[in-house]
PDB file of all heavy atoms in Angstrom:
ATOM      1  N   VAL A   1     -62.287  95.594  76.827  1.00  0.00           N
ATOM      2  CA  VAL A   1     -61.027  95.537  77.571  1.00  0.00           C
ATOM      3  C   VAL A   1     -60.431  94.136  77.437  1.00  0.00           C
ATOM      4  O   VAL A   1     -61.118  93.139  77.644  1.00  0.00           O
ATOM      5  CB  VAL A   1     -61.268  95.862  79.061  1.00  0.00           C
ATOM      6  CG1 VAL A   1     -59.992  95.656  79.866  1.00  0.00           C
ATOM      7  CG2 VAL A   1     -61.766  97.286  79.221  1.00  0.00           C
ATOM      8  N   THR A   2     -59.155  94.075  77.087  1.00  0.00           N
ATOM      9  CA  THR A   2     -58.478  92.774  76.989  1.00  0.00           C
ATOM     10  C   THR A   2     -57.201  92.727  77.821  1.00  0.00           C
ATOM     11  O   THR A   2     -56.435  91.772  77.736  1.00  0.00           O
ATOM     12  CB  THR A   2     -58.128  92.454  75.517  1.00  0.00           C
ATOM     13  OG1 THR A   2     -57.327  93.525  74.979  1.00  0.00           O
ATOM     14  CG2 THR A   2     -59.386  92.281  74.677  1.00  0.00           C
ATOM     15  N   GLU A   3     -56.961  93.771  78.624  1.00  0.00           N
ATOM     16  CA  GLU A   3     -55.768  93.832  79.476  1.00  0.00           C
ATOM     17  C   GLU A   3     -56.106  93.284  80.861  1.00  0.00           C
ATOM     18  O   GLU A   3     -57.014  93.800  81.531  1.00  0.00           O
ATOM     19  CB  GLU A   3     -55.285  95.281  79.599  1.00  0.00           C
ATOM     20  CG  GLU A   3     -54.792  95.891  78.302  1.00  0.00           C
ATOM     21  CD  GLU A   3     -53.422  95.390  77.907  1.00  0.00           C
ATOM     22  OE1 GLU A   3     -52.707  94.893  78.792  1.00  0.00           O
ATOM     23  OE2 GLU A   3     -53.083  95.472  76.716  1.00  0.00           O
ATOM     24  N   LEU A   4     -55.365  92.265  81.308  1.00  0.00           N
ATOM     25  CA  LEU A   4     -55.654  91.650  82.601  1.00  0.00           C
ATOM     26  C   LEU A   4     -55.349  92.571  83.771  1.00  0.00           C
ATOM     27  O   LEU A   4     -55.872  92.384  84.859  1.00  0.00           O
ATOM     28  CB  LEU A   4     -54.870  90.342  82.751  1.00  0.00           C
ATOM     29  CG  LEU A   4     -55.249  89.228  81.773  1.00  0.00           C
ATOM     30  CD1 LEU A   4     -54.422  87.980  82.060  1.00  0.00           C
ATOM     31  CD2 LEU A   4     -56.738  88.911  81.879  1.00  0.00           C
ATOM     32  N   GLY A   5     -54.498  93.569  83.563  1.00  0.00           N
ATOM     33  CA  GLY A   5     -54.148  94.476  84.649  1.00  0.00           C
ATOM     34  C   GLY A   5     -55.133  95.613  84.843  1.00  0.00           C
ATOM     35  O   GLY A   5     -54.955  96.447  85.734  1.00  0.00           O
ATOM     36  N   THR A   6     -56.183  95.662  84.032  1.00  0.00           N
ATOM     37  CA  THR A   6     -57.156  96.752  84.103  1.00  0.00           C
ATOM     38  C   THR A   6     -57.834  96.801  85.464  1.00  0.00           C
ATOM     39  O   THR A   6     -58.229  95.769  86.014  1.00  0.00           O
ATOM     40  CB  THR A   6     -58.230  96.591  83.008  1.00  0.00           C
ATOM     41  OG1 THR A   6     -57.597  96.599  81.733  1.00  0.00           O
ATOM     42  CG2 THR A   6     -59.255  97.712  83.077  1.00  0.00           C
ATOM     43  N   LYS A   7     -57.971  98.011  85.997  1.00  0.00           N
ATOM     44  CA  LYS A   7     -58.684  98.197  87.253  1.00  0.00           C
ATOM     45  C   LYS A   7     -59.973  98.963  87.000  1.00  0.00           C
ATOM     46  O   LYS A   7     -60.057  99.781  86.089  1.00  0.00           O
ATOM     47  CB  LYS A   7     -57.818  98.945  88.272  1.00  0.00           C
ATOM     48  CG  LYS A   7     -56.645  98.121  88.783  1.00  0.00           C
ATOM     49  CD  LYS A   7     -55.927  98.830  89.925  1.00  0.00           C
ATOM     50  CE  LYS A   7     -54.815  97.954  90.496  1.00  0.00           C
ATOM     51  NZ  LYS A   7     -54.138  98.595  91.643  1.00  0.00           N
ATOM     52  N   VAL A   8     -60.989  98.665  87.805  1.00  0.00           N
ATOM     53  CA  VAL A   8     -62.273  99.357  87.677  1.00  0.00           C
ATOM     54  C   VAL A   8     -62.716  99.848  89.043  1.00  0.00           C
ATOM     55  O   VAL A   8     -62.366  99.272  90.074  1.00  0.00           O
ATOM     56  CB  VAL A   8     -63.356  98.435  87.079  1.00  0.00           C
ATOM     57  CG1 VAL A   8     -63.021  98.069  85.650  1.00  0.00           C
ATOM     58  CG2 VAL A   8     -63.556  97.189  87.920  1.00  0.00           C
ATOM     59  N   ASP A   9     -63.472 100.932  89.034  1.00  0.00           N
ATOM     60  CA  ASP A   9     -64.089 101.442  90.252  1.00  0.00           C
ATOM     61  C   ASP A   9     -65.425 100.734  90.401  1.00  0.00           C
ATOM     62  O   ASP A   9     -66.294 100.837  89.523  1.00  0.00           O
ATOM     63  CB  ASP A   9     -64.299 102.958  90.155  1.00  0.00           C
ATOM     64  CG  ASP A   9     -64.760 103.560  91.482  1.00  0.00           C
ATOM     65  OD1 ASP A   9     -65.794 103.084  91.999  1.00  0.00           O
ATOM     66  OD2 ASP A   9     -64.124 104.490  91.976  1.00  0.00           O
ATOM     67  N   ASP A  10     -65.593  99.981  91.482  1.00  0.00           N
ATOM     68  CA  ASP A  10     -66.796  99.162  91.609  1.00  0.00           C
ATOM     69  C   ASP A  10     -68.059  99.975  91.850  1.00  0.00           C
ATOM     70  O   ASP A  10     -69.156  99.415  91.970  1.00  0.00           O
ATOM     71  CB  ASP A  10     -66.624  98.097  92.707  1.00  0.00           C
ATOM     72  CG  ASP A  10     -66.252  98.687  94.052  1.00  0.00           C
ATOM     73  OD1 ASP A  10     -66.249  99.922  94.172  1.00  0.00           O
ATOM     74  OD2 ASP A  10     -65.971  97.915  94.982  1.00  0.00           O
ATOM     75  N   VAL A  11     -67.942 101.300  91.929  1.00  0.00           N
ATOM     76  CA  VAL A  11     -69.117 102.157  92.086  1.00  0.00           C
ATOM     77  C   VAL A  11     -69.350 102.996  90.825  1.00  0.00           C
ATOM     78  O   VAL A  11     -70.453 103.051  90.285  1.00  0.00           O
ATOM     79  CB  VAL A  11     -68.974 103.083  93.311  1.00  0.00           C
ATOM     80  CG1 VAL A  11     -70.153 104.044  93.391  1.00  0.00           C
ATOM     81  CG2 VAL A  11     -68.872 102.257  94.592  1.00  0.00           C
ATOM     82  N   LYS A  12     -68.290 103.620  90.314  1.00  0.00           N
ATOM     83  CA  LYS A  12     -68.422 104.574  89.212  1.00  0.00           C
ATOM     84  C   LYS A  12     -68.443 103.925  87.830  1.00  0.00           C
ATOM     85  O   LYS A  12     -69.138 104.400  86.929  1.00  0.00           O
ATOM     86  CB  LYS A  12     -67.283 105.597  89.270  1.00  0.00           C
ATOM     87  CG  LYS A  12     -67.278 106.449  90.532  1.00  0.00           C
ATOM     88  CD  LYS A  12     -66.073 107.388  90.533  1.00  0.00           C
ATOM     89  CE  LYS A  12     -66.020 108.215  91.807  1.00  0.00           C
ATOM     90  NZ  LYS A  12     -64.834 109.109  91.833  1.00  0.00           N
ATOM     91  N   ASP A  13     -67.660 102.856  87.628  1.00  0.00           N
ATOM     92  CA  ASP A  13     -67.528 102.282  86.290  1.00  0.00           C
ATOM     93  C   ASP A  13     -68.682 101.344  85.945  1.00  0.00           C
ATOM     94  O   ASP A  13     -69.235 100.652  86.817  1.00  0.00           O
ATOM     95  CB  ASP A  13     -66.211 101.516  86.167  1.00  0.00           C
ATOM     96  CG  ASP A  13     -65.007 102.448  86.160  1.00  0.00           C
ATOM     97  OD1 ASP A  13     -65.125 103.552  85.609  1.00  0.00           O
ATOM     98  OD2 ASP A  13     -63.958 102.070  86.719  1.00  0.00           O
ATOM     99  N   GLU A  14     -69.017 101.299  84.660  1.00  0.00           N
ATOM    100  CA  GLU A  14     -70.046 100.389  84.155  1.00  0.00           C
ATOM    101  C   GLU A  14     -69.356  99.229  83.435  1.00  0.00           C
ATOM    102  O   GLU A  14     -68.606  99.435  82.478  1.00  0.00           O
ATOM    103  CB  GLU A  14     -70.988 101.111  83.195  1.00  0.00           C
ATOM    104  CG  GLU A  14     -71.834 102.186  83.868  1.00  0.00           C
ATOM    105  CD  GLU A  14     -72.806 102.836  82.889  1.00  0.00           C
ATOM    106  OE1 GLU A  14     -72.509 102.843  81.680  1.00  0.00           O
ATOM    107  OE2 GLU A  14     -73.859 103.300  83.336  1.00  0.00           O
ATOM    108  N   VAL A  15     -69.611  98.027  83.920  1.00  0.00           N
ATOM    109  CA  VAL A  15     -68.992  96.833  83.362  1.00  0.00           C
ATOM    110  C   VAL A  15     -70.060  95.975  82.704  1.00  0.00           C
ATOM    111  O   VAL A  15     -71.149  95.781  83.260  1.00  0.00           O
ATOM    112  CB  VAL A  15     -68.267  96.020  84.464  1.00  0.00           C
ATOM    113  CG1 VAL A  15     -67.623  94.758  83.884  1.00  0.00           C
ATOM    114  CG2 VAL A  15     -67.206  96.885  85.149  1.00  0.00           C
ATOM    115  N   PHE A  16     -69.736  95.457  81.509  1.00  0.00           N
ATOM    116  CA  PHE A  16     -70.682  94.630  80.773  1.00  0.00           C
ATOM    117  C   PHE A  16     -70.036  93.307  80.379  1.00  0.00           C
ATOM    118  O   PHE A  16     -68.870  93.271  79.978  1.00  0.00           O
ATOM    119  CB  PHE A  16     -71.153  95.345  79.495  1.00  0.00           C
ATOM    120  CG  PHE A  16     -71.962  96.580  79.761  1.00  0.00           C
ATOM    121  CD1 PHE A  16     -71.337  97.795  80.022  1.00  0.00           C
ATOM    122  CD2 PHE A  16     -73.339  96.524  79.759  1.00  0.00           C
ATOM    123  CE1 PHE A  16     -72.081  98.940  80.272  1.00  0.00           C
ATOM    124  CE2 PHE A  16     -74.095  97.661  79.998  1.00  0.00           C
ATOM    125  CZ  PHE A  16     -73.474  98.875  80.258  1.00  0.00           C
ATOM    126  N   TYR A  17     -70.791  92.237  80.515  1.00  0.00           N
ATOM    127  CA  TYR A  17     -70.353  90.898  80.098  1.00  0.00           C
ATOM    128  C   TYR A  17     -71.295  90.432  78.999  1.00  0.00           C
ATOM    129  O   TYR A  17     -72.485  90.253  79.222  1.00  0.00           O
ATOM    130  CB  TYR A  17     -70.398  89.944  81.294  1.00  0.00           C
ATOM    131  CG  TYR A  17     -70.328  88.470  80.959  1.00  0.00           C
ATOM    132  CD1 TYR A  17     -69.401  87.977  80.049  1.00  0.00           C
ATOM    133  CD2 TYR A  17     -71.188  87.559  81.579  1.00  0.00           C
ATOM    134  CE1 TYR A  17     -69.338  86.626  79.753  1.00  0.00           C
ATOM    135  CE2 TYR A  17     -71.128  86.206  81.293  1.00  0.00           C
ATOM    136  CZ  TYR A  17     -70.211  85.746  80.377  1.00  0.00           C
ATOM    137  OH  TYR A  17     -70.145  84.405  80.076  1.00  0.00           O
ATOM    138  N   ASP A  18     -70.764  90.245  77.790  1.00  0.00           N
ATOM    139  CA  ASP A  18     -71.582  89.892  76.622  1.00  0.00           C
ATOM    140  C   ASP A  18     -72.770  90.823  76.468  1.00  0.00           C
ATOM    141  O   ASP A  18     -73.898  90.403  76.167  1.00  0.00           O
ATOM    142  CB  ASP A  18     -72.057  88.434  76.716  1.00  0.00           C
ATOM    143  CG  ASP A  18     -70.945  87.443  76.416  1.00  0.00           C
ATOM    144  OD1 ASP A  18     -69.879  87.860  75.913  1.00  0.00           O
ATOM    145  OD2 ASP A  18     -71.138  86.244  76.678  1.00  0.00           O
ATOM    146  N   GLY A  19     -72.514  92.120  76.713  1.00  0.00           N
ATOM    147  CA  GLY A  19     -73.544  93.126  76.508  1.00  0.00           C
ATOM    148  C   GLY A  19     -74.500  93.328  77.672  1.00  0.00           C
ATOM    149  O   GLY A  19     -75.339  94.240  77.646  1.00  0.00           O
ATOM    150  N   LYS A  20     -74.366  92.508  78.720  1.00  0.00           N
ATOM    151  CA  LYS A  20     -75.264  92.634  79.868  1.00  0.00           C
ATOM    152  C   LYS A  20     -74.517  93.284  81.035  1.00  0.00           C
ATOM    153  O   LYS A  20     -73.369  92.943  81.306  1.00  0.00           O
ATOM    154  CB  LYS A  20     -75.790  91.261  80.282  1.00  0.00           C
ATOM    155  CG  LYS A  20     -76.645  90.607  79.211  1.00  0.00           C
ATOM    156  CD  LYS A  20     -77.131  89.239  79.667  1.00  0.00           C
ATOM    157  CE  LYS A  20     -77.975  88.574  78.583  1.00  0.00           C
ATOM    158  NZ  LYS A  20     -78.442  87.231  79.003  1.00  0.00           N
ATOM    159  N   PRO A  21     -75.164  94.243  81.733  1.00  0.00           N
ATOM    160  CA  PRO A  21     -74.487  94.927  82.845  1.00  0.00           C
ATOM    161  C   PRO A  21     -74.145  93.977  83.981  1.00  0.00           C
ATOM    162  O   PRO A  21     -74.911  93.057  84.282  1.00  0.00           O
ATOM    163  CB  PRO A  21     -75.511  95.974  83.288  1.00  0.00           C
ATOM    164  CG  PRO A  21     -76.828  95.475  82.803  1.00  0.00           C
ATOM    165  CD  PRO A  21     -76.544  94.714  81.541  1.00  0.00           C
ATOM    166  N   VAL A  22     -72.991  94.211  84.589  1.00  0.00           N
ATOM    167  CA  VAL A  22     -72.524  93.381  85.698  1.00  0.00           C
ATOM    168  C   VAL A  22     -72.551  94.219  86.971  1.00  0.00           C
ATOM    169  O   VAL A  22     -71.987  95.306  87.022  1.00  0.00           O
ATOM    170  CB  VAL A  22     -71.091  92.872  85.455  1.00  0.00           C
ATOM    171  CG1 VAL A  22     -70.595  92.062  86.650  1.00  0.00           C
ATOM    172  CG2 VAL A  22     -71.039  92.047  84.176  1.00  0.00           C
ATOM    173  N   LYS A  23     -73.204  93.693  87.976  1.00  0.00           N
ATOM    174  CA  LYS A  23     -73.257  94.357  89.274  1.00  0.00           C
ATOM    175  C   LYS A  23     -72.760  93.404  90.344  1.00  0.00           C
ATOM    176  O   LYS A  23     -72.973  92.187  90.264  1.00  0.00           O
ATOM    177  CB  LYS A  23     -74.688  94.787  89.614  1.00  0.00           C
ATOM    178  CG  LYS A  23     -75.293  95.783  88.624  1.00  0.00           C
ATOM    179  CD  LYS A  23     -74.601  97.131  88.694  1.00  0.00           C
ATOM    180  CE  LYS A  23     -75.247  98.137  87.742  1.00  0.00           C
ATOM    181  NZ  LYS A  23     -74.545  99.440  87.728  1.00  0.00           N
ATOM    182  N   LYS A  24     -72.098  93.964  91.332  1.00  0.00           N
ATOM    183  CA  LYS A  24     -71.648  93.130  92.441  1.00  0.00           C
ATOM    184  C   LYS A  24     -72.855  92.525  93.167  1.00  0.00           C
ATOM    185  O   LYS A  24     -73.848  93.200  93.399  1.00  0.00           O
ATOM    186  CB  LYS A  24     -70.840  93.963  93.447  1.00  0.00           C
ATOM    187  CG  LYS A  24     -69.351  93.939  93.205  1.00  0.00           C
ATOM    188  CD  LYS A  24     -68.618  94.486  94.409  1.00  0.00           C
ATOM    189  CE  LYS A  24     -67.116  94.366  94.232  1.00  0.00           C
ATOM    190  NZ  LYS A  24     -66.385  94.860  95.402  1.00  0.00           N
ATOM    191  N   SER A  25     -72.758  91.260  93.487  1.00  0.00           N
ATOM    192  CA  SER A  25     -73.818  90.617  94.241  1.00  0.00           C
ATOM    193  C   SER A  25     -73.793  91.116  95.675  1.00  0.00           C
ATOM    194  O   SER A  25     -72.753  91.108  96.327  1.00  0.00           O
ATOM    195  CB  SER A  25     -73.642  89.091  94.214  1.00  0.00           C
ATOM    196  OG  SER A  25     -73.654  88.614  92.898  1.00  0.00           O
ATOM    197  N   GLU A  26     -74.946  91.561  96.157  1.00  0.00           N
ATOM    198  CA  GLU A  26     -74.992  92.076  97.526  1.00  0.00           C
ATOM    199  C   GLU A  26     -75.123  90.947  98.534  1.00  0.00           C
ATOM    200  O   GLU A  26     -74.548  90.988  99.607  1.00  0.00           O
ATOM    201  CB  GLU A  26     -76.160  93.057  97.663  1.00  0.00           C
ATOM    202  CG  GLU A  26     -75.982  94.321  96.812  1.00  0.00           C
ATOM    203  CD  GLU A  26     -77.098  95.315  97.012  1.00  0.00           C
ATOM    204  OE1 GLU A  26     -78.022  95.017  97.795  1.00  0.00           O
ATOM    205  OE2 GLU A  26     -77.052  96.381  96.386  1.00  0.00           O
ATOM    206  N   LYS A  27     -75.876  89.918  98.180  1.00  0.00           N
ATOM    207  CA  LYS A  27     -76.083  88.804  99.099  1.00  0.00           C
ATOM    208  C   LYS A  27     -75.297  87.597  98.617  1.00  0.00           C
ATOM    209  O   LYS A  27     -75.516  87.104  97.509  1.00  0.00           O
ATOM    210  CB  LYS A  27     -77.568  88.451  99.184  1.00  0.00           C
ATOM    211  CG  LYS A  27     -77.859  87.281 100.117  1.00  0.00           C
ATOM    212  CD  LYS A  27     -79.334  86.908 100.077  1.00  0.00           C
ATOM    213  CE  LYS A  27     -79.596  85.697 100.971  1.00  0.00           C
ATOM    214  NZ  LYS A  27     -81.007  85.255 100.892  1.00  0.00           N
ATOM    215  N   LEU A  28     -74.377  87.134  99.429  1.00  0.00           N
ATOM    216  CA  LEU A  28     -73.590  85.959  99.071  1.00  0.00           C
ATOM    217  C   LEU A  28     -74.352  84.695  99.490  1.00  0.00           C
ATOM    218  O   LEU A  28     -74.839  84.605 100.616  1.00  0.00           O
ATOM    219  CB  LEU A  28     -72.224  85.993  99.746  1.00  0.00           C
ATOM    220  CG  LEU A  28     -71.298  87.142  99.313  1.00  0.00           C
ATOM    221  CD1 LEU A  28     -69.998  87.092 100.102  1.00  0.00           C
ATOM    222  CD2 LEU A  28     -71.016  87.095  97.815  1.00  0.00           C
ATOM    223  N   VAL A  29     -74.449  83.748  98.567  1.00  0.00           N
ATOM    224  CA  VAL A  29     -75.152  82.502  98.861  1.00  0.00           C
ATOM    225  C   VAL A  29     -74.236  81.324  98.548  1.00  0.00           C
ATOM    226  O   VAL A  29     -73.367  81.395  97.670  1.00  0.00           O
ATOM    227  CB  VAL A  29     -76.472  82.376  98.071  1.00  0.00           C
ATOM    228  CG1 VAL A  29     -77.454  83.436  98.508  1.00  0.00           C
ATOM    229  CG2 VAL A  29     -76.234  82.460  96.577  1.00  0.00           C
ATOM    230  N   TYR A  30     -74.457  80.234  99.287  1.00  0.00           N
ATOM    231  CA  TYR A  30     -73.613  79.046  99.161  1.00  0.00           C
ATOM    232  C   TYR A  30     -74.540  77.832  99.135  1.00  0.00           C
ATOM    233  O   TYR A  30     -75.292  77.608 100.089  1.00  0.00           O
ATOM    234  CB  TYR A  30     -72.639  78.953 100.340  1.00  0.00           C
ATOM    235  CG  TYR A  30     -71.839  80.218 100.552  1.00  0.00           C
ATOM    236  CD1 TYR A  30     -72.344  81.267 101.321  1.00  0.00           C
ATOM    237  CD2 TYR A  30     -70.590  80.381  99.973  1.00  0.00           C
ATOM    238  CE1 TYR A  30     -71.627  82.442 101.500  1.00  0.00           C
ATOM    239  CE2 TYR A  30     -69.862  81.541 100.151  1.00  0.00           C
ATOM    240  CZ  TYR A  30     -70.387  82.567 100.913  1.00  0.00           C
ATOM    241  OH  TYR A  30     -69.666  83.732 101.095  1.00  0.00           O
ATOM    242  N   ILE A  31     -74.473  77.083  98.056  1.00  0.00           N
ATOM    243  CA  ILE A  31     -75.435  76.007  97.814  1.00  0.00           C
ATOM    244  C   ILE A  31     -74.716  74.691  97.589  1.00  0.00           C
ATOM    245  O   ILE A  31     -73.671  74.637  96.932  1.00  0.00           O
ATOM    246  CB  ILE A  31     -76.301  76.345  96.576  1.00  0.00           C
ATOM    247  CG1 ILE A  31     -77.182  77.556  96.872  1.00  0.00           C
ATOM    248  CG2 ILE A  31     -77.150  75.161  96.131  1.00  0.00           C
ATOM    249  CD1 ILE A  31     -77.802  78.179  95.645  1.00  0.00           C
ATOM    250  N   MET A  32     -75.283  73.621  98.135  1.00  0.00           N
ATOM    251  CA  MET A  32     -74.825  72.270  97.843  1.00  0.00           C
ATOM    252  C   MET A  32     -75.890  71.587  97.003  1.00  0.00           C
ATOM    253  O   MET A  32     -77.058  71.546  97.381  1.00  0.00           O
ATOM    254  CB  MET A  32     -74.601  71.465  99.128  1.00  0.00           C
ATOM    255  CG  MET A  32     -74.214  70.005  98.858  1.00  0.00           C
ATOM    256  SD  MET A  32     -74.405  68.935 100.300  1.00  0.00           S
ATOM    257  CE  MET A  32     -73.176  69.625 101.394  1.00  0.00           C
ATOM    258  N   LEU A  33     -75.477  71.052  95.856  1.00  0.00           N
ATOM    259  CA  LEU A  33     -76.367  70.321  94.962  1.00  0.00           C
ATOM    260  C   LEU A  33     -75.907  68.872  94.878  1.00  0.00           C
ATOM    261  O   LEU A  33     -74.713  68.603  94.808  1.00  0.00           O
ATOM    262  CB  LEU A  33     -76.325  70.956  93.569  1.00  0.00           C
ATOM    263  CG  LEU A  33     -76.994  70.185  92.422  1.00  0.00           C
ATOM    264  CD1 LEU A  33     -78.513  70.183  92.587  1.00  0.00           C
ATOM    265  CD2 LEU A  33     -76.603  70.777  91.072  1.00  0.00           C
ATOM    266  N   ASN A  34     -76.873  67.952  94.890  1.00  0.00           N
ATOM    267  CA  ASN A  34     -76.550  66.558  94.574  1.00  0.00           C
ATOM    268  C   ASN A  34     -76.825  66.378  93.090  1.00  0.00           C
ATOM    269  O   ASN A  34     -77.947  66.128  92.667  1.00  0.00           O
ATOM    270  CB  ASN A  34     -77.408  65.597  95.399  1.00  0.00           C
ATOM    271  CG  ASN A  34     -77.000  64.137  95.190  1.00  0.00           C
ATOM    272  OD1 ASN A  34     -76.254  63.816  94.266  1.00  0.00           O
ATOM    273  ND2 ASN A  34     -77.487  63.259  96.050  1.00  0.00           N
ATOM    274  N   LYS A  35     -75.780  66.558  92.303  1.00  0.00           N
ATOM    275  CA  LYS A  35     -75.912  66.527  90.848  1.00  0.00           C
ATOM    276  C   LYS A  35     -76.200  65.108  90.363  1.00  0.00           C
ATOM    277  O   LYS A  35     -75.471  64.174  90.678  1.00  0.00           O
ATOM    278  CB  LYS A  35     -74.624  67.035  90.208  1.00  0.00           C
ATOM    279  CG  LYS A  35     -74.579  66.896  88.683  1.00  0.00           C
ATOM    280  CD  LYS A  35     -73.178  67.083  88.179  1.00  0.00           C
ATOM    281  CE  LYS A  35     -72.978  66.658  86.742  1.00  0.00           C
ATOM    282  NZ  LYS A  35     -73.340  65.280  86.433  1.00  0.00           N
ATOM    283  N   PRO A  36     -77.236  64.941  89.548  1.00  0.00           N
ATOM    284  CA  PRO A  36     -77.465  63.630  88.937  1.00  0.00           C
ATOM    285  C   PRO A  36     -76.575  63.438  87.712  1.00  0.00           C
ATOM    286  O   PRO A  36     -76.009  64.399  87.189  1.00  0.00           O
ATOM    287  CB  PRO A  36     -78.944  63.702  88.501  1.00  0.00           C
ATOM    288  CG  PRO A  36     -79.475  65.014  89.017  1.00  0.00           C
ATOM    289  CD  PRO A  36     -78.300  65.903  89.234  1.00  0.00           C
ATOM    290  N   GLU A  37     -76.465  62.215  87.243  1.00  0.00           N
ATOM    291  CA  GLU A  37     -75.816  61.965  85.963  1.00  0.00           C
ATOM    292  C   GLU A  37     -76.664  62.616  84.865  1.00  0.00           C
ATOM    293  O   GLU A  37     -77.858  62.811  85.009  1.00  0.00           O
ATOM    294  CB  GLU A  37     -75.695  60.465  85.690  1.00  0.00           C
ATOM    295  CG  GLU A  37     -74.879  59.690  86.715  1.00  0.00           C
ATOM    296  CD  GLU A  37     -75.709  59.168  87.883  1.00  0.00           C
ATOM    297  OE1 GLU A  37     -76.853  59.677  88.085  1.00  0.00           O
ATOM    298  OE2 GLU A  37     -75.240  58.262  88.582  1.00  0.00           O
ATOM    299  N   GLY A  38     -76.017  62.960  83.758  1.00  0.00           N
ATOM    300  CA  GLY A  38     -76.769  63.505  82.637  1.00  0.00           C
ATOM    301  C   GLY A  38     -76.924  65.004  82.644  1.00  0.00           C
ATOM    302  O   GLY A  38     -77.709  65.550  81.856  1.00  0.00           O
ATOM    303  N   PHE A  39     -76.185  65.689  83.515  1.00  0.00           N
ATOM    304  CA  PHE A  39     -76.193  67.148  83.557  1.00  0.00           C
ATOM    305  C   PHE A  39     -74.758  67.647  83.437  1.00  0.00           C
ATOM    306  O   PHE A  39     -73.843  67.062  84.021  1.00  0.00           O
ATOM    307  CB  PHE A  39     -76.803  67.668  84.861  1.00  0.00           C
ATOM    308  CG  PHE A  39     -78.301  67.522  84.930  1.00  0.00           C
ATOM    309  CD1 PHE A  39     -78.884  66.297  85.209  1.00  0.00           C
ATOM    310  CD2 PHE A  39     -79.127  68.617  84.709  1.00  0.00           C
ATOM    311  CE1 PHE A  39     -80.256  66.147  85.266  1.00  0.00           C
ATOM    312  CE2 PHE A  39     -80.503  68.489  84.766  1.00  0.00           C
ATOM    313  CZ  PHE A  39     -81.076  67.255  85.040  1.00  0.00           C
ATOM    314  N   VAL A  40     -74.560  68.731  82.682  1.00  0.00           N
ATOM    315  CA  VAL A  40     -73.223  69.297  82.555  1.00  0.00           C
ATOM    316  C   VAL A  40     -73.033  70.392  83.596  1.00  0.00           C
ATOM    317  O   VAL A  40     -73.979  71.093  83.963  1.00  0.00           O
ATOM    318  CB  VAL A  40     -72.965  69.856  81.141  1.00  0.00           C
ATOM    319  CG1 VAL A  40     -72.890  68.730  80.141  1.00  0.00           C
ATOM    320  CG2 VAL A  40     -74.040  70.853  80.726  1.00  0.00           C
ATOM    321  N   THR A  41     -71.799  70.525  84.070  1.00  0.00           N
ATOM    322  CA  THR A  41     -71.494  71.500  85.112  1.00  0.00           C
ATOM    323  C   THR A  41     -71.044  72.812  84.490  1.00  0.00           C
ATOM    324  O   THR A  41     -69.886  73.203  84.597  1.00  0.00           O
ATOM    325  CB  THR A  41     -70.413  70.943  86.060  1.00  0.00           C
ATOM    326  OG1 THR A  41     -70.787  69.639  86.460  1.00  0.00           O
ATOM    327  CG2 THR A  41     -70.295  71.810  87.319  1.00  0.00           C
ATOM    328  N   THR A  42     -71.971  73.462  83.805  1.00  0.00           N
ATOM    329  CA  THR A  42     -71.728  74.768  83.217  1.00  0.00           C
ATOM    330  C   THR A  42     -72.987  75.606  83.378  1.00  0.00           C
ATOM    331  O   THR A  42     -74.059  75.071  83.674  1.00  0.00           O
ATOM    332  CB  THR A  42     -71.383  74.675  81.718  1.00  0.00           C
ATOM    333  OG1 THR A  42     -72.435  73.965  81.037  1.00  0.00           O
ATOM    334  CG2 THR A  42     -70.073  73.947  81.488  1.00  0.00           C
ATOM    335  N   VAL A  43     -72.835  76.916  83.176  1.00  0.00           N
ATOM    336  CA  VAL A  43     -74.009  77.786  83.238  1.00  0.00           C
ATOM    337  C   VAL A  43     -74.842  77.622  81.968  1.00  0.00           C
ATOM    338  O   VAL A  43     -76.067  77.570  82.010  1.00  0.00           O
ATOM    339  CB  VAL A  43     -73.572  79.255  83.419  1.00  0.00           C
ATOM    340  CG1 VAL A  43     -74.778  80.189  83.365  1.00  0.00           C
ATOM    341  CG2 VAL A  43     -72.842  79.420  84.757  1.00  0.00           C
ATOM    342  N   LYS A  44     -74.180  77.502  80.810  1.00  0.00           N
ATOM    343  CA  LYS A  44     -74.844  77.249  79.537  1.00  0.00           C
ATOM    344  C   LYS A  44     -74.077  76.159  78.797  1.00  0.00           C
ATOM    345  O   LYS A  44     -72.880  75.988  79.001  1.00  0.00           O
ATOM    346  CB  LYS A  44     -74.894  78.521  78.687  1.00  0.00           C
ATOM    347  CG  LYS A  44     -75.762  79.628  79.261  1.00  0.00           C
ATOM    348  CD  LYS A  44     -75.771  80.841  78.330  1.00  0.00           C
ATOM    349  CE  LYS A  44     -76.628  81.966  78.907  1.00  0.00           C
ATOM    350  NZ  LYS A  44     -76.634  83.165  78.016  1.00  0.00           N
ATOM    351  N   ASP A  45     -74.779  75.434  77.930  1.00  0.00           N
ATOM    352  CA  ASP A  45     -74.122  74.382  77.161  1.00  0.00           C
ATOM    353  C   ASP A  45     -74.356  74.601  75.679  1.00  0.00           C
ATOM    354  O   ASP A  45     -75.490  74.806  75.237  1.00  0.00           O
ATOM    355  CB  ASP A  45     -74.655  73.005  77.573  1.00  0.00           C
ATOM    356  CG  ASP A  45     -73.968  71.883  76.821  1.00  0.00           C
ATOM    357  OD1 ASP A  45     -72.748  71.735  76.995  1.00  0.00           O
ATOM    358  OD2 ASP A  45     -74.636  71.183  76.044  1.00  0.00           O
ATOM    359  N   GLN A  46     -73.277  74.562  74.904  1.00  0.00           N
ATOM    360  CA  GLN A  46     -73.383  74.841  73.472  1.00  0.00           C
ATOM    361  C   GLN A  46     -74.176  73.782  72.717  1.00  0.00           C
ATOM    362  O   GLN A  46     -74.668  74.019  71.607  1.00  0.00           O
ATOM    363  CB  GLN A  46     -71.980  74.956  72.865  1.00  0.00           C
ATOM    364  CG  GLN A  46     -71.134  73.705  73.025  1.00  0.00           C
ATOM    365  CD  GLN A  46     -69.764  73.841  72.391  1.00  0.00           C
ATOM    366  OE1 GLN A  46     -69.600  74.545  71.404  1.00  0.00           O
ATOM    367  NE2 GLN A  46     -68.754  73.195  72.979  1.00  0.00           N
TER     368      GLN A  46
END
């Protein structure tokens, strides 16, 4: 899907991100980190 207006049913539809299934997070968490120097603020780094 490349259309920004696309809608999905959060129960019936199967959504994948880079081939991995995406599910809504049931438990919301909020974290504070004291980031040191020498770390990038991304989930993965190329």
